[in-house]
C-alpha atoms as a PDB file:
ATOM      1  CA  MET A   1       0.075   0.131  -0.077  1.00  0.00           C
ATOM      2  CA  LYS A   2       1.906   3.267  -1.314  1.00  0.00           C
ATOM      3  CA  HIS A   3      -0.846   5.419  -0.364  1.00  0.00           C
ATOM      4  CA  THR A   4      -3.172   5.622   2.785  1.00  0.00           C
ATOM      5  CA  PRO A   5      -5.253   8.679   2.537  1.00  0.00           C
ATOM      6  CA  TYR A   6      -7.499   6.925   5.743  1.00  0.00           C
ATOM      7  CA  ASP A   7      -4.609   7.627   8.105  1.00  0.00           C
ATOM      8  CA  GLY A   8      -6.084  11.009   8.750  1.00  0.00           C
ATOM      9  CA  SER A   9      -4.441  12.962   6.030  1.00  0.00           C
ATOM     10  CA  SER A  10      -7.168  13.430   3.726  1.00  0.00           C
ATOM     11  CA  LYS A  11     -10.765  13.101   4.947  1.00  0.00           C
ATOM     12  CA  PRO A  12     -13.738  11.843   2.724  1.00  0.00           C
ATOM     13  CA  PHE A  13     -16.139  14.042   1.004  1.00  0.00           C
ATOM     14  CA  THR A  14     -13.820  17.321   1.229  1.00  0.00           C
ATOM     15  CA  ILE A  15     -12.179  18.736  -1.739  1.00  0.00           C
ATOM     16  CA  GLY A  16      -8.675  17.962   0.280  1.00  0.00           C
ATOM     17  CA  LEU A  17      -6.368  19.499  -2.431  1.00  0.00           C
ATOM     18  CA  VAL A  18      -2.766  19.675  -1.508  1.00  0.00           C
ATOM     19  CA  GLN A  19       0.216  21.182  -3.123  1.00  0.00           C
ATOM     20  CA  LEU A  20       2.112  18.699  -5.181  1.00  0.00           C
ATOM     21  CA  GLU A  21       5.875  18.969  -6.413  1.00  0.00           C
ATOM     22  CA  PRO A  22       5.957  18.825 -10.265  1.00  0.00           C
ATOM     23  CA  ASP A  23       8.510  15.942 -10.263  1.00  0.00           C
ATOM     24  CA  ARG A  24       5.754  14.198  -8.501  1.00  0.00           C
ATOM     25  CA  TRP A  25       3.165  14.392 -11.239  1.00  0.00           C
ATOM     26  CA  ILE A  26       3.309  10.823 -12.548  1.00  0.00           C
ATOM     27  CA  GLU A  27       4.373   8.003 -10.353  1.00  0.00           C
ATOM     28  CA  PRO A  28       5.026   5.046 -12.367  1.00  0.00           C
ATOM     29  CA  ASP A  29       5.644   1.447 -10.836  1.00  0.00           C
ATOM     30  CA  ASP A  30       8.478  -0.738 -12.228  1.00  0.00           C
ATOM     31  CA  ASP A  31       6.954  -3.999 -11.141  1.00  0.00           C
ATOM     32  CA  ALA A  32       3.163  -3.076 -12.319  1.00  0.00           C
ATOM     33  CA  LEU A  33       3.600  -0.540 -14.920  1.00  0.00           C
ATOM     34  CA  ASP A  34       3.335  -3.748 -17.994  1.00  0.00           C
ATOM     35  CA  PHE A  35       0.299  -5.045 -16.315  1.00  0.00           C
ATOM     36  CA  TYR A  36      -1.478  -1.787 -16.101  1.00  0.00           C
ATOM     37  CA  LEU A  37      -0.506  -0.900 -19.860  1.00  0.00           C
ATOM     38  CA  SER A  38      -1.555  -4.315 -21.116  1.00  0.00           C
ATOM     39  CA  GLU A  39      -4.990  -3.992 -19.332  1.00  0.00           C
ATOM     40  CA  LYS A  40      -5.334  -0.398 -21.027  1.00  0.00           C
ATOM     41  CA  ALA A  41      -4.204  -2.015 -24.275  1.00  0.00           C
ATOM     42  CA  ARG A  42      -6.979  -4.918 -23.841  1.00  0.00           C
ATOM     43  CA  LEU A  43      -9.953  -2.718 -22.880  1.00  0.00           C
ATOM     44  CA  MET A  44      -9.158  -0.328 -25.928  1.00  0.00           C
ATOM     45  CA  GLN A  45      -9.164  -3.490 -28.153  1.00  0.00           C
ATOM     46  CA  ALA A  46     -12.274  -4.616 -26.591  1.00  0.00           C
ATOM     47  CA  SER A  47     -14.386  -1.495 -26.153  1.00  0.00           C
ATOM     48  CA  ARG A  48     -12.791   1.560 -27.190  1.00  0.00           C
ATOM     49  CA  GLU A  49     -15.957   3.918 -27.252  1.00  0.00           C
ATOM     50  CA  SER A  50     -16.673   3.246 -23.503  1.00  0.00           C
ATOM     51  CA  ILE A  51     -13.058   4.238 -22.301  1.00  0.00           C
ATOM     52  CA  PHE A  52     -12.009   7.263 -24.882  1.00  0.00           C
ATOM     53  CA  MET A  53     -14.248  10.330 -25.712  1.00  0.00           C
ATOM     54  CA  ALA A  54     -13.106  13.437 -27.217  1.00  0.00           C
ATOM     55  CA  GLN A  55     -15.116  16.288 -28.391  1.00  0.00           C
ATOM     56  CA  ALA A  56     -14.318  18.209 -31.722  1.00  0.00           C
ATOM     57  CA  GLY A  57     -11.844  21.037 -31.134  1.00  0.00           C
ATOM     58  CA  THR A  58     -10.035  19.411 -27.982  1.00  0.00           C
ATOM     59  CA  ASP A  59      -7.044  18.681 -30.133  1.00  0.00           C
ATOM     60  CA  ALA A  60      -4.969  21.328 -28.868  1.00  0.00           C
ATOM     61  CA  ALA A  61      -5.587  20.273 -25.472  1.00  0.00           C
ATOM     62  CA  GLN A  62      -4.830  16.726 -26.307  1.00  0.00           C
ATOM     63  CA  ARG A  63      -1.512  17.627 -27.818  1.00  0.00           C
ATOM     64  CA  GLU A  64      -0.449  19.834 -25.197  1.00  0.00           C
ATOM     65  CA  LEU A  65      -0.991  16.956 -22.836  1.00  0.00           C
ATOM     66  CA  LEU A  66       1.070  14.530 -24.720  1.00  0.00           C
ATOM     67  CA  GLY A  67       3.735  17.247 -25.615  1.00  0.00           C
ATOM     68  CA  ALA A  68       3.945  17.640 -21.242  1.00  0.00           C
ATOM     69  CA  LEU A  69       4.050  13.892 -20.821  1.00  0.00           C
ATOM     70  CA  THR A  70       6.815  12.947 -23.576  1.00  0.00           C
ATOM     71  CA  GLU A  71       8.961  15.912 -22.056  1.00  0.00           C
ATOM     72  CA  TYR A  72       8.273  15.075 -18.657  1.00  0.00           C
ATOM     73  CA  LEU A  73       8.209  10.993 -18.379  1.00  0.00           C
ATOM     74  CA  PRO A  74      11.903  10.351 -20.181  1.00  0.00           C
ATOM     75  CA  ARG A  75      13.578  13.220 -18.124  1.00  0.00           C
ATOM     76  CA  ARG A  76      12.157  11.925 -14.776  1.00  0.00           C
ATOM     77  CA  TYR A  77      12.049   8.417 -15.421  1.00  0.00           C
ATOM     78  CA  PRO A  78      15.100   7.793 -17.781  1.00  0.00           C
ATOM     79  CA  GLY A  79      15.305   4.110 -16.708  1.00  0.00           C
ATOM     80  CA  ILE A  80      11.591   3.606 -17.706  1.00  0.00           C
ATOM     81  CA  TYR A  81      10.909   5.773 -20.581  1.00  0.00           C
ATOM     82  CA  ARG A  82      13.171   6.708 -23.991  1.00  0.00           C
ATOM     83  CA  ARG A  83      11.989   8.623 -26.641  1.00  0.00           C
ATOM     84  CA  GLU A  84      12.473   7.326 -30.349  1.00  0.00           C
ATOM     85  CA  ASP A  85      11.499   9.256 -33.193  1.00  0.00           C
ATOM     86  CA  ALA A  86       7.830   9.319 -33.318  1.00  0.00           C
ATOM     87  CA  ALA A  87       7.522   6.415 -30.524  1.00  0.00           C
ATOM     88  CA  MET A  88       8.180   6.158 -26.684  1.00  0.00           C
ATOM     89  CA  ILE A  89       9.876   3.000 -25.214  1.00  0.00           C
ATOM     90  CA  VAL A  90       8.272   2.195 -22.279  1.00  0.00           C
ATOM     91  CA  ASN A  91      10.142  -0.582 -20.341  1.00  0.00           C
ATOM     92  CA  GLY A  92      10.949  -2.136 -23.815  1.00  0.00           C
ATOM     93  CA  ARG A  93       7.413  -1.759 -25.007  1.00  0.00           C
ATOM     94  CA  ARG A  94       7.131   0.639 -28.102  1.00  0.00           C
ATOM     95  CA  VAL A  95       4.234   3.126 -27.965  1.00  0.00           C
ATOM     96  CA  ALA A  96       3.519   4.948 -31.094  1.00  0.00           C
ATOM     97  CA  LEU A  97       2.944   8.541 -30.682  1.00  0.00           C
ATOM     98  CA  ASP A  98       1.224   9.387 -33.834  1.00  0.00           C
ATOM     99  CA  ARG A  99      -1.971   7.891 -32.977  1.00  0.00           C
ATOM    100  CA  ASP A 100      -5.402   9.441 -34.599  1.00  0.00           C
ATOM    101  CA  ALA A 101      -5.737  11.207 -31.293  1.00  0.00           C
ATOM    102  CA  PRO A 102      -2.880  12.574 -29.106  1.00  0.00           C
ATOM    103  CA  LEU A 103      -4.880  11.491 -25.852  1.00  0.00           C
ATOM    104  CA  LEU A 104      -4.769   7.864 -27.039  1.00  0.00           C
ATOM    105  CA  ALA A 105      -1.143   8.071 -26.950  1.00  0.00           C
ATOM    106  CA  ALA A 106      -0.722   9.792 -23.832  1.00  0.00           C
ATOM    107  CA  GLY A 107      -3.214   7.313 -21.944  1.00  0.00           C
ATOM    108  CA  SER A 108      -1.156   4.524 -23.463  1.00  0.00           C
ATOM    109  CA  LEU A 109       2.125   6.025 -21.811  1.00  0.00           C
ATOM    110  CA  VAL A 110       1.039   5.808 -17.936  1.00  0.00           C
ATOM    111  CA  GLN A 111      -0.947   3.757 -15.323  1.00  0.00           C
ATOM    112  CA  ASP A 112      -2.903   6.949 -14.782  1.00  0.00           C
ATOM    113  CA  ASP A 113      -6.213   7.607 -16.631  1.00  0.00           C
ATOM    114  CA  LEU A 114      -6.473  11.116 -18.120  1.00  0.00           C
ATOM    115  CA  ALA A 115      -9.131  13.607 -18.229  1.00  0.00           C
ATOM    116  CA  ILE A 116      -9.307  16.932 -19.772  1.00  0.00           C
ATOM    117  CA  MET A 117     -11.550  19.642 -18.427  1.00  0.00           C
ATOM    118  CA  GLU A 118     -12.179  22.935 -20.642  1.00  0.00           C
ATOM    119  CA  ARG A 119     -14.171  26.070 -20.063  1.00  0.00           C
ATOM    120  CA  LYS A 120     -16.970  26.056 -22.117  1.00  0.00           C
ATOM    121  CA  ASP A 121     -20.469  27.838 -22.177  1.00  0.00           C
ATOM    122  CA  GLY A 122     -19.927  29.184 -18.631  1.00  0.00           C
ATOM    123  CA  ASP A 123     -18.692  26.095 -16.909  1.00  0.00           C
ATOM    124  CA  TRP A 124     -15.765  23.713 -16.554  1.00  0.00           C
ATOM    125  CA  ARG A 125     -16.560  20.658 -18.692  1.00  0.00           C
ATOM    126  CA  LEU A 126     -15.053  16.987 -19.318  1.00  0.00           C
ATOM    127  CA  THR A 127     -14.358  17.460 -23.314  1.00  0.00           C
ATOM    128  CA  ALA A 128     -11.908  14.721 -23.301  1.00  0.00           C
ATOM    129  CA  ALA A 129     -10.880  11.521 -21.526  1.00  0.00           C
ATOM    130  CA  TYR A 130      -9.172   8.117 -21.671  1.00  0.00           C
ATOM    131  CA  VAL A 131     -10.563   6.312 -18.632  1.00  0.00           C
ATOM    132  CA  ALA A 132     -10.065   2.805 -18.401  1.00  0.00           C
ATOM    133  CA  PHE A 133     -10.079   2.503 -14.725  1.00  0.00           C
ATOM    134  CA  PRO A 134     -13.185   4.025 -13.523  1.00  0.00           C
ATOM    135  CA  SER A 135     -14.350   3.742  -9.951  1.00  0.00           C
ATOM    136  CA  SER A 136     -17.957   2.865 -10.170  1.00  0.00           C
ATOM    137  CA  TRP A 137     -18.865   5.334 -12.673  1.00  0.00           C
ATOM    138  CA  SER A 138     -18.990   5.371 -16.495  1.00  0.00           C
ATOM    139  CA  LEU A 139     -17.409   7.603 -19.040  1.00  0.00           C
ATOM    140  CA  ALA A 140     -20.566   7.869 -21.153  1.00  0.00           C
ATOM    141  CA  GLU A 141     -22.704   9.371 -18.076  1.00  0.00           C
ATOM    142  CA  LYS A 142     -20.027  12.027 -17.199  1.00  0.00           C
ATOM    143  CA  PHE A 143     -18.801  13.091 -20.482  1.00  0.00           C
ATOM    144  CA  GLY A 144     -19.436  16.634 -21.732  1.00  0.00           C
ATOM    145  CA  ARG A 145     -20.975  17.500 -18.359  1.00  0.00           C
ATOM    146  CA  PRO A 146     -19.949  20.427 -16.175  1.00  0.00           C
ATOM    147  CA  MET A 147     -18.199  19.671 -13.011  1.00  0.00           C
ATOM    148  CA  HIS A 148     -21.171  20.205 -10.782  1.00  0.00           C
ATOM    149  CA  GLU A 149     -23.417  17.589 -12.760  1.00  0.00           C
ATOM    150  CA  ILE A 150     -20.486  15.186 -12.575  1.00  0.00           C
ATOM    151  CA  HIS A 151     -20.437  15.574  -8.988  1.00  0.00           C
ATOM    152  CA  ALA A 152     -24.163  15.653  -8.376  1.00  0.00           C
ATOM    153  CA  PRO A 153     -24.715  12.174  -7.028  1.00  0.00           C
ATOM    154  CA  VAL A 154     -21.513  12.853  -4.351  1.00  0.00           C
ATOM    155  CA  PRO A 155     -23.226  14.260  -0.961  1.00  0.00           C
ATOM    156  CA  GLY A 156     -22.120  17.604  -0.520  1.00  0.00           C
ATOM    157  CA  PHE A 157     -21.274  18.555  -3.816  1.00  0.00           C
ATOM    158  CA  GLU A 158     -24.299  19.142  -5.756  1.00  0.00           C
ATOM    159  CA  GLU A 159     -24.975  22.116  -7.829  1.00  0.00           C
ATOM    160  CA  GLY A 160     -25.349  25.559  -5.630  1.00  0.00           C
ATOM    161  CA  SER A 161     -23.519  23.727  -2.726  1.00  0.00           C
ATOM    162  CA  ARG A 162     -20.632  25.639  -1.336  1.00  0.00           C
ATOM    163  CA  ASN A 163     -18.000  22.567  -2.578  1.00  0.00           C
ATOM    164  CA  ALA A 164     -19.262  22.958  -6.027  1.00  0.00           C
ATOM    165  CA  GLU A 165     -18.733  26.521  -5.948  1.00  0.00           C
ATOM    166  CA  LEU A 166     -15.206  26.021  -4.583  1.00  0.00           C
ATOM    167  CA  ILE A 167     -14.222  23.914  -6.910  1.00  0.00           C
ATOM    168  CA  THR A 168     -15.198  26.474  -9.894  1.00  0.00           C
ATOM    169  CA  ARG A 169     -13.228  29.243  -8.230  1.00  0.00           C
ATOM    170  CA  MET A 170     -10.276  27.053  -7.779  1.00  0.00           C
ATOM    171  CA  PHE A 171     -10.368  25.725 -11.429  1.00  0.00           C
ATOM    172  CA  ASP A 172     -10.609  29.511 -12.549  1.00  0.00           C
ATOM    173  CA  ASN A 173      -7.584  30.558 -10.390  1.00  0.00           C
ATOM    174  CA  LEU A 174      -5.390  27.518 -10.704  1.00  0.00           C
ATOM    175  CA  PRO A 175      -2.173  29.011 -12.099  1.00  0.00           C
ATOM    176  CA  PRO A 176      -0.334  26.876 -14.852  1.00  0.00           C
ATOM    177  CA  GLY A 177       2.838  26.321 -12.817  1.00  0.00           C
ATOM    178  CA  ARG A 178       0.821  24.932  -9.733  1.00  0.00           C
ATOM    179  CA  PHE A 179       0.347  20.969  -9.190  1.00  0.00           C
ATOM    180  CA  VAL A 180      -2.316  19.903  -6.805  1.00  0.00           C
ATOM    181  CA  GLU A 181      -3.275  16.449  -5.520  1.00  0.00           C
ATOM    182  CA  ARG A 182      -6.126  14.416  -3.904  1.00  0.00           C
ATOM    183  CA  PHE A 183      -6.891  11.007  -2.671  1.00  0.00           C
ATOM    184  CA  ASN A 184     -10.323   8.951  -2.587  1.00  0.00           C
ATOM    185  CA  TRP A 185     -10.645   5.514  -1.071  1.00  0.00           C
ATOM    186  CA  ALA A 186     -13.306   2.819  -1.508  1.00  0.00           C
ATOM    187  CA  ILE A 187     -13.858  -0.523  -0.455  1.00  0.00           C
ATOM    188  CA  ASN A 188     -14.817  -3.360  -2.986  1.00  0.00           C
ATOM    189  CA  VAL A 189     -15.016  -7.018  -3.235  1.00  0.00           C
ATOM    190  CA  ASP A 190     -13.388  -7.268  -6.273  1.00  0.00           C
ATOM    191  CA  GLY A 191      -9.799  -5.909  -6.998  1.00  0.00           C
ATOM    192  CA  ALA A 192     -10.139  -5.656 -10.614  1.00  0.00           C
ATOM    193  CA  LEU A 193      -9.063  -2.300 -12.122  1.00  0.00           C
ATOM    194  CA  HIS A 194     -11.975  -1.732 -14.426  1.00  0.00           C
ATOM    195  CA  LEU A 195     -15.049  -1.151 -12.285  1.00  0.00           C
ATOM    196  CA  PRO A 196     -17.730   0.923 -14.198  1.00  0.00           C
ATOM    197  CA  LYS A 197     -20.501  -0.173 -12.265  1.00  0.00           C
ATOM    198  CA  SER A 198     -21.823   1.916  -9.468  1.00  0.00           C
ATOM    199  CA  LYS A 199     -21.072   0.680  -5.951  1.00  0.00           C
ATOM    200  CA  SER A 200     -23.813   3.190  -4.156  1.00  0.00           C
ATOM    201  CA  GLU A 201     -26.498   1.428  -2.264  1.00  0.00           C
ATOM    202  CA  GLY A 202     -29.759   2.146  -0.335  1.00  0.00           C
ATOM    203  CA  ILE A 203     -29.414   3.472   3.451  1.00  0.00           C
ATOM    204  CA  GLY A 204     -31.293   0.181   4.410  1.00  0.00           C
ATOM    205  CA  ALA A 205     -29.008  -2.268   2.961  1.00  0.00           C
ATOM    206  CA  GLU A 206     -28.449  -5.428   4.609  1.00  0.00           C
ATOM    207  CA  ALA A 207     -25.319  -6.385   6.331  1.00  0.00           C
ATOM    208  CA  VAL A 208     -22.930  -8.616   4.862  1.00  0.00           C
ATOM    209  CA  ALA A 209     -19.818 -10.460   5.814  1.00  0.00           C
ATOM    210  CA  LEU A 210     -16.189  -9.509   4.504  1.00  0.00           C
ATOM    211  CA  SER A 211     -12.910 -11.298   4.748  1.00  0.00           C
ATOM    212  CA  GLU A 212      -9.220 -10.052   4.817  1.00  0.00           C
ATOM    213  CA  ASP A 213      -8.382 -11.499   1.467  1.00  0.00           C
ATOM    214  CA  GLY A 214     -11.661 -10.910  -0.286  1.00  0.00           C
ATOM    215  CA  THR A 215     -11.970  -7.159   0.681  1.00  0.00           C
ATOM    216  CA  PHE A 216     -10.025  -4.670  -1.493  1.00  0.00           C
ATOM    217  CA  VAL A 217      -9.229  -1.246  -0.345  1.00  0.00           C
ATOM    218  CA  ARG A 218      -8.988   0.968  -3.449  1.00  0.00           C
ATOM    219  CA  ILE A 219      -7.293   4.032  -3.533  1.00  0.00           C
ATOM    220  CA  GLU A 220      -7.681   6.895  -6.180  1.00  0.00           C
ATOM    221  CA  ARG A 221      -4.694   9.418  -6.640  1.00  0.00           C
ATOM    222  CA  GLN A 222      -5.685  12.527  -8.482  1.00  0.00           C
ATOM    223  CA  THR A 223      -3.542  15.122  -9.889  1.00  0.00           C
ATOM    224  CA  LEU A 224      -4.571  18.267 -11.475  1.00  0.00           C
ATOM    225  CA  ARG A 225      -2.608  20.823 -13.252  1.00  0.00           C
ATOM    226  CA  LYS A 226      -3.703  23.925 -15.582  1.00  0.00           C
ATOM    227  CA  MET A 227      -2.090  23.511 -19.202  1.00  0.00           C
ATOM    228  CA  PRO A 228      -0.279  27.123 -19.799  1.00  0.00           C
ATOM    229  CA  GLU A 229      -1.285  27.346 -23.793  1.00  0.00           C
ATOM    230  CA  THR A 230      -4.717  26.079 -24.121  1.00  0.00           C
ATOM    231  CA  GLY A 231      -5.693  26.581 -20.108  1.00  0.00           C
ATOM    232  CA  ALA A 232      -7.140  23.107 -20.363  1.00  0.00           C
ATOM    233  CA  ILE A 233      -7.166  21.325 -16.637  1.00  0.00           C
ATOM    234  CA  VAL A 234      -5.691  18.059 -16.681  1.00  0.00           C
ATOM    235  CA  PHE A 235      -6.769  15.155 -14.324  1.00  0.00           C
ATOM    236  CA  THR A 236      -4.559  12.367 -13.858  1.00  0.00           C
ATOM    237  CA  ILE A 237      -6.231   9.357 -12.022  1.00  0.00           C
ATOM    238  CA  ARG A 238      -4.534   6.531 -10.510  1.00  0.00           C
ATOM    239  CA  ILE A 239      -5.710   3.711  -9.088  1.00  0.00           C
ATOM    240  CA  TYR A 240      -4.207   1.417  -6.549  1.00  0.00           C
ATOM    241  CA  SER A 241      -6.103  -1.895  -5.137  1.00  0.00           C
ATOM    242  CA  ASP A 242      -4.687  -4.087  -2.676  1.00  0.00           C
ATOM    243  CA  PRO A 243      -6.443  -6.724  -0.341  1.00  0.00           C
ATOM    244  CA  LEU A 244      -6.878  -5.399   3.107  1.00  0.00           C
ATOM    245  CA  ALA A 245      -4.811  -8.452   4.279  1.00  0.00           C
ATOM    246  CA  VAL A 246      -2.064  -6.446   2.826  1.00  0.00           C
ATOM    247  CA  LEU A 247      -2.514  -3.792   5.781  1.00  0.00           C
ATOM    248  CA  ARG A 248      -1.729  -6.152   8.393  1.00  0.00           C
ATOM    249  CA  LYS A 249       1.803  -6.712   7.276  1.00  0.00           C
ATOM    250  CA  ARG A 250       2.803  -3.090   7.692  1.00  0.00           C
ATOM    251  CA  PRO A 251       4.634  -2.087  10.479  1.00  0.00           C
ATOM    252  CA  ASP A 252       2.021   0.723  11.328  1.00  0.00           C
ATOM    253  CA  ALA A 253      -0.817  -1.535  10.821  1.00  0.00           C
ATOM    254  CA  ALA A 254      -2.403  -0.992  14.067  1.00  0.00           C
ATOM    255  CA  THR A 255      -2.398   2.907  13.998  1.00  0.00           C
ATOM    256  CA  LEU A 256      -3.584   2.815  10.257  1.00  0.00           C
ATOM    257  CA  ALA A 257      -6.472   0.229  11.219  1.00  0.00           C
ATOM    258  CA  ARG A 258      -7.617   2.409  14.133  1.00  0.00           C
ATOM    259  CA  SER A 259      -7.494   5.895  11.938  1.00  0.00           C
ATOM    260  CA  PHE A 260      -9.391   3.938   9.269  1.00  0.00           C
ATOM    261  CA  VAL A 261     -12.244   2.941  11.775  1.00  0.00           C
ATOM    262  CA  ASN A 262     -12.551   6.427  12.944  1.00  0.00           C
ATOM    263  CA  GLN A 263     -13.018   7.765   9.187  1.00  0.00           C
ATOM    264  CA  LEU A 264     -15.888   5.027   8.847  1.00  0.00           C
ATOM    265  CA  ARG A 265     -17.691   5.769  12.086  1.00  0.00           C
ATOM    266  CA  GLU A 266     -17.647   9.577  11.016  1.00  0.00           C
ATOM    267  CA  LEU A 267     -19.400   8.671   7.664  1.00  0.00           C
ATOM    268  CA  THR A 268     -23.041   9.851   7.542  1.00  0.00           C
ATOM    269  CA  THR A 269     -25.724   7.383   6.487  1.00  0.00           C
ATOM    270  CA  PRO A 270     -26.010   9.110   2.985  1.00  0.00           C
ATOM    271  CA  GLN A 271     -22.241   9.085   2.836  1.00  0.00           C
ATOM    272  CA  ALA A 272     -21.878   5.297   3.616  1.00  0.00           C
ATOM    273  CA  ALA A 273     -24.463   4.583   1.184  1.00  0.00           C
ATOM    274  CA  TYR A 274     -22.770   6.710  -1.774  1.00  0.00           C
ATOM    275  CA  LYS A 275     -19.410   4.700  -1.157  1.00  0.00           C
ATOM    276  CA  GLY A 276     -21.561   1.139  -0.730  1.00  0.00           C
ATOM    277  CA  LEU A 277     -20.539   0.662   2.789  1.00  0.00           C
ATOM    278  CA  VAL A 278     -23.912   0.769   4.641  1.00  0.00           C
ATOM    279  CA  SER A 279     -23.789  -3.103   4.307  1.00  0.00           C
ATOM    280  CA  LYS A 280     -20.159  -3.491   4.556  1.00  0.00           C
ATOM    281  CA  ARG A 281     -19.400  -0.983   7.337  1.00  0.00           C
ATOM    282  CA  GLU A 282     -19.679  -2.799  10.707  1.00  0.00           C
ATOM    283  CA  ALA A 283     -17.985  -6.238   9.198  1.00  0.00           C
ATOM    284  CA  LEU A 284     -15.145  -3.589   8.132  1.00  0.00           C
ATOM    285  CA  VAL A 285     -14.909  -1.957  11.540  1.00  0.00           C
ATOM    286  CA  ALA A 286     -14.575  -5.464  12.763  1.00  0.00           C
ATOM    287  CA  ALA A 287     -11.889  -6.482  10.687  1.00  0.00           C
ATOM    288  CA  LEU A 288      -9.905  -3.172  11.111  1.00  0.00           C
ATOM    289  CA  LEU A 289     -10.204  -3.546  14.941  1.00  0.00           C
ATOM    290  CA  ALA A 290      -8.995  -7.351  14.538  1.00  0.00           C
ATOM    291  CA  ILE A 291      -5.772  -5.763  12.703  1.00  0.00           C
ATOM    292  CA  ALA A 292      -5.289  -3.201  15.233  1.00  0.00           C
ATOM    293  CA  GLY A 293      -5.356  -5.680  18.130  1.00  0.00           C
END
């Protein structure tokens, strides 16, 4: 578990943006990079229309993002990335950069999903995206929508809420040289990367049993930056998924487990329902307390 936002450093259902050093924009894993890129290639072959969408007129923003990645990756990670004419060599894998859409090439270079937001018709809208590993949502239902509609199902982020207004103001005022990141966590009984089905449940959902090996902690690391030429905002979304049993192996397992329990207990019922935790919360608390000793 590389990131543990349930340790108290990040609270659920808050904007939670923190400053990010530019050299930490993308964090490839040597041991998992090939698996993620192979999964992306498989999903693209099987269902391109469900994981890649781009509006007309987004080519400039796509090209700017691809250019930023092809400059950053070989400079920051020369042992993994090497530029070779119109291709990038990624751990020995050749990735063509002259695809029919620049975002297709960009998304094939990194483990992260990529989303482009642009200011159109008075709102920040999702205008282009390569999302192979959604966390309980589908690109089709979010594409082209303004941010307040994208976040409408999230308790406290609906249109007219303080959080919705803060996000718009933050997007407007984010300077191109500033990078920020935020984290989400979720609990799933499936460790797959591609999870487009909603996990939300009713507030009266019945309790279920959980096991440490069959319960997966899914961490979503998001970064945001504004591109200097087009003014588009780029999201990177990196998924980490580990069985709960992995937590037990950490030297700080007891402290992390207790902090996780506190976050679970602080969730309101609507928040727990949105995260699909009404049925799982008590079993998860019990499992975490067992880890905490």
